[in-house]
C-alpha atoms as a PDB file:
ATOM      1  CA  MET A   1     350.159 162.783 130.340  1.00  0.00           C
ATOM      2  CA  ASN A   2     348.994 159.424 131.634  1.00  0.00           C
ATOM      3  CA  SER A   3     349.035 158.746 135.232  1.00  0.00           C
ATOM      4  CA  SER A   4     352.508 156.139 134.843  1.00  0.00           C
ATOM      5  CA  LYS A   5     354.466 158.959 133.435  1.00  0.00           C
ATOM      6  CA  THR A   6     353.388 161.207 135.953  1.00  0.00           C
ATOM      7  CA  GLY A   7     353.999 158.911 138.670  1.00  0.00           C
ATOM      8  CA  ALA A   8     357.572 158.545 136.954  1.00  0.00           C
ATOM      9  CA  LEU A   9     358.087 162.493 136.882  1.00  0.00           C
ATOM     10  CA  ILE A  10     356.872 162.144 140.957  1.00  0.00           C
ATOM     11  CA  ARG A  11     359.192 159.468 141.851  1.00  0.00           C
ATOM     12  CA  ALA A  12     362.533 161.196 139.932  1.00  0.00           C
ATOM     13  CA  LEU A  13     361.360 164.373 141.908  1.00  0.00           C
ATOM     14  CA  LEU A  14     361.521 162.578 145.221  1.00  0.00           C
ATOM     15  CA  VAL A  15     364.921 160.996 144.122  1.00  0.00           C
ATOM     16  CA  SER A  16     366.061 164.146 143.174  1.00  0.00           C
ATOM     17  CA  TYR A  17     365.193 165.936 146.756  1.00  0.00           C
ATOM     18  CA  MET A  18     366.518 163.143 148.687  1.00  0.00           C
ATOM     19  CA  VAL A  19     369.811 163.120 146.839  1.00  0.00           C
ATOM     20  CA  SER A  20     370.144 166.832 147.670  1.00  0.00           C
ATOM     21  CA  GLY A  21     369.180 166.527 151.178  1.00  0.00           C
ATOM     22  CA  LEU A  22     371.948 163.982 151.859  1.00  0.00           C
ATOM     23  CA  LEU A  23     374.459 165.609 150.160  1.00  0.00           C
ATOM     24  CA  LEU A  24     373.720 169.146 151.389  1.00  0.00           C
ATOM     25  CA  LEU A  25     373.970 167.564 154.663  1.00  0.00           C
ATOM     26  CA  ALA A  26     377.478 166.308 153.646  1.00  0.00           C
ATOM     27  CA  LEU A  27     377.906 169.930 152.497  1.00  0.00           C
ATOM     28  CA  SER A  28     377.155 171.407 155.667  1.00  0.00           C
ATOM     29  CA  PHE A  29     379.631 168.990 157.572  1.00  0.00           C
ATOM     30  CA  ALA A  30     382.399 169.899 155.492  1.00  0.00           C
ATOM     31  CA  LEU A  31     381.669 173.692 156.074  1.00  0.00           C
ATOM     32  CA  TYR A  32     381.801 172.890 159.569  1.00  0.00           C
ATOM     33  CA  ARG A  33     384.941 170.974 159.677  1.00  0.00           C
ATOM     34  CA  LEU A  34     386.748 172.419 156.752  1.00  0.00           C
ATOM     35  CA  LYS A  35     385.930 176.071 156.996  1.00  0.00           C
ATOM     36  CA  LEU A  36     385.527 176.372 153.410  1.00  0.00           C
ATOM     37  CA  LYS A  37     385.363 179.917 151.577  1.00  0.00           C
ATOM     38  CA  GLU A  38     381.949 181.131 149.999  1.00  0.00           C
ATOM     39  CA  ALA A  39     382.993 180.473 146.694  1.00  0.00           C
ATOM     40  CA  GLN A  40     384.024 176.746 147.418  1.00  0.00           C
ATOM     41  CA  ILE A  41     380.440 176.376 148.621  1.00  0.00           C
ATOM     42  CA  ASN A  42     378.689 178.236 146.266  1.00  0.00           C
ATOM     43  CA  GLN A  43     380.621 175.598 143.623  1.00  0.00           C
ATOM     44  CA  ALA A  44     379.390 172.850 145.808  1.00  0.00           C
ATOM     45  CA  VAL A  45     375.696 174.032 145.655  1.00  0.00           C
ATOM     46  CA  PHE A  46     375.947 173.888 141.997  1.00  0.00           C
ATOM     47  CA  ALA A  47     377.253 170.329 141.946  1.00  0.00           C
ATOM     48  CA  VAL A  48     374.651 169.503 144.647  1.00  0.00           C
ATOM     49  CA  TYR A  49     371.992 170.579 142.214  1.00  0.00           C
ATOM     50  CA  GLY A  50     373.456 169.178 138.846  1.00  0.00           C
ATOM     51  CA  ILE A  51     373.963 165.447 140.625  1.00  0.00           C
ATOM     52  CA  ALA A  52     370.460 165.723 141.922  1.00  0.00           C
ATOM     53  CA  CYS A  53     369.228 166.669 138.702  1.00  0.00           C
ATOM     54  CA  LEU A  54     371.221 163.947 136.970  1.00  0.00           C
ATOM     55  CA  THR A  55     370.068 161.460 139.399  1.00  0.00           C
ATOM     56  CA  GLY A  56     366.570 162.334 138.940  1.00  0.00           C
ATOM     57  CA  GLY A  57     366.752 162.448 135.296  1.00  0.00           C
ATOM     58  CA  PHE A  58     368.293 158.996 135.314  1.00  0.00           C
ATOM     59  CA  VAL A  59     365.574 157.682 137.355  1.00  0.00           C
ATOM     60  CA  CYS A  60     362.598 159.256 135.530  1.00  0.00           C
ATOM     61  CA  GLY A  61     364.327 157.750 132.199  1.00  0.00           C
ATOM     62  CA  LYS A  62     364.696 154.253 133.465  1.00  0.00           C
ATOM     63  CA  ILE A  63     361.259 154.196 134.867  1.00  0.00           C
ATOM     64  CA  THR A  64     359.580 155.541 131.611  1.00  0.00           C
ATOM     65  CA  GLY A  65     361.742 153.523 129.128  1.00  0.00           C
ATOM     66  CA  SER A  66     360.873 155.925 126.073  1.00  0.00           C
ATOM     67  CA  ARG A  67     361.509 159.275 125.344  1.00  0.00           C
ATOM     68  CA  ARG A  68     364.262 159.146 127.994  1.00  0.00           C
ATOM     69  CA  PHE A  69     365.737 162.663 126.896  1.00  0.00           C
ATOM     70  CA  PHE A  70     362.187 164.349 127.250  1.00  0.00           C
ATOM     71  CA  TRP A  71     361.330 162.915 130.639  1.00  0.00           C
ATOM     72  CA  GLY A  72     364.734 163.295 132.251  1.00  0.00           C
ATOM     73  CA  LEU A  73     364.563 167.191 131.033  1.00  0.00           C
ATOM     74  CA  SER A  74     361.156 167.284 132.745  1.00  0.00           C
ATOM     75  CA  SER A  75     362.286 165.942 135.638  1.00  0.00           C
ATOM     76  CA  GLY A  76     365.137 168.734 136.107  1.00  0.00           C
ATOM     77  CA  LEU A  77     362.849 171.600 134.955  1.00  0.00           C
ATOM     78  CA  LEU A  78     360.157 170.437 137.462  1.00  0.00           C
ATOM     79  CA  TYR A  79     363.378 170.091 140.051  1.00  0.00           C
ATOM     80  CA  PHE A  80     364.112 173.829 139.135  1.00  0.00           C
ATOM     81  CA  ALA A  81     360.349 175.148 139.279  1.00  0.00           C
ATOM     82  CA  VAL A  82     359.811 173.664 142.861  1.00  0.00           C
ATOM     83  CA  LEU A  83     363.224 175.053 144.070  1.00  0.00           C
ATOM     84  CA  PHE A  84     362.577 178.166 142.538  1.00  0.00           C
ATOM     85  CA  VAL A  85     358.697 178.422 143.872  1.00  0.00           C
ATOM     86  CA  LEU A  86     360.193 177.626 147.682  1.00  0.00           C
ATOM     87  CA  SER A  87     362.780 180.129 147.470  1.00  0.00           C
ATOM     88  CA  GLN A  88     360.559 182.814 146.382  1.00  0.00           C
ATOM     89  CA  ALA A  89     357.997 181.948 148.745  1.00  0.00           C
ATOM     90  CA  ILE A  90     360.573 181.676 151.499  1.00  0.00           C
ATOM     91  CA  ASN A  91     362.405 185.080 150.728  1.00  0.00           C
ATOM     92  CA  HIS A  92     359.046 186.782 150.354  1.00  0.00           C
ATOM     93  CA  GLY A  93     360.290 187.905 146.822  1.00  0.00           C
ATOM     94  CA  ALA A  94     362.830 190.099 148.524  1.00  0.00           C
ATOM     95  CA  SER A  95     365.580 188.821 145.649  1.00  0.00           C
ATOM     96  CA  PRO A  96     365.171 189.619 142.095  1.00  0.00           C
ATOM     97  CA  ILE A  97     362.801 187.135 140.225  1.00  0.00           C
ATOM     98  CA  PHE A  98     365.302 186.165 137.338  1.00  0.00           C
ATOM     99  CA  SER A  99     368.965 186.933 137.873  1.00  0.00           C
ATOM    100  CA  SER A 100     372.178 185.393 136.065  1.00  0.00           C
ATOM    101  CA  ARG A 101     372.363 182.675 139.024  1.00  0.00           C
ATOM    102  CA  THR A 102     368.728 182.051 138.452  1.00  0.00           C
ATOM    103  CA  ALA A 103     369.179 181.291 134.738  1.00  0.00           C
ATOM    104  CA  ALA A 104     372.316 179.197 135.214  1.00  0.00           C
ATOM    105  CA  VAL A 105     370.862 176.840 137.740  1.00  0.00           C
ATOM    106  CA  MET A 106     367.893 176.729 135.422  1.00  0.00           C
ATOM    107  CA  LEU A 107     370.073 175.713 132.528  1.00  0.00           C
ATOM    108  CA  LEU A 108     372.194 173.200 134.932  1.00  0.00           C
ATOM    109  CA  CYS A 109     368.993 171.478 136.383  1.00  0.00           C
ATOM    110  CA  THR A 110     367.576 170.889 132.688  1.00  0.00           C
ATOM    111  CA  ALA A 111     370.781 169.843 131.213  1.00  0.00           C
ATOM    112  CA  ALA A 112     371.440 167.297 133.976  1.00  0.00           C
ATOM    113  CA  GLY A 113     368.208 166.018 134.059  1.00  0.00           C
ATOM    114  CA  ALA A 114     368.353 165.441 130.265  1.00  0.00           C
ATOM    115  CA  ILE A 115     371.660 163.839 130.497  1.00  0.00           C
ATOM    116  CA  GLY A 116     370.662 161.613 132.961  1.00  0.00           C
ATOM    117  CA  GLY A 117     367.720 160.717 131.140  1.00  0.00           C
ATOM    118  CA  ILE A 118     369.988 159.916 128.125  1.00  0.00           C
ATOM    119  CA  LEU A 119     372.441 158.114 130.144  1.00  0.00           C
ATOM    120  CA  SER A 120     369.419 155.735 131.633  1.00  0.00           C
END
C-alpha cells in the first residue's frame, strides 16, 4: 500500500471521527432536552456509526479515485477496529469480546463505508 492510499485512509478516518463527534454531541443535547428512551438512543448511536462510516467511505473513495469500494470498505473496517480497541481498553475487557451487538456494529461500519466508497 503506497503512502497516498494510506494518507487517504487516515484522512477518511479523521473525517469519520469528526462527524461522529459532532453527531454524538447533537445526540447528547437531544437526550438532555427530549429525555429519549434507551432504545431510541441505541438506534441513534447506530445511525451515528452508519453516517460516520458512510462519510468516511465517501471521502476515501473521492481521494483514492480507484477501487473505491475496497477503500470505502477499508475505511469502515478501520473505523470499527479503532472503536473496538478503544472500547476494550476503556472497559478493561469487562464486556464480552465478541457479541451480537459487536457483530452488528462491524457489519454496519463496513457496509456503510463500502456504500460511501461506491457513491463517491
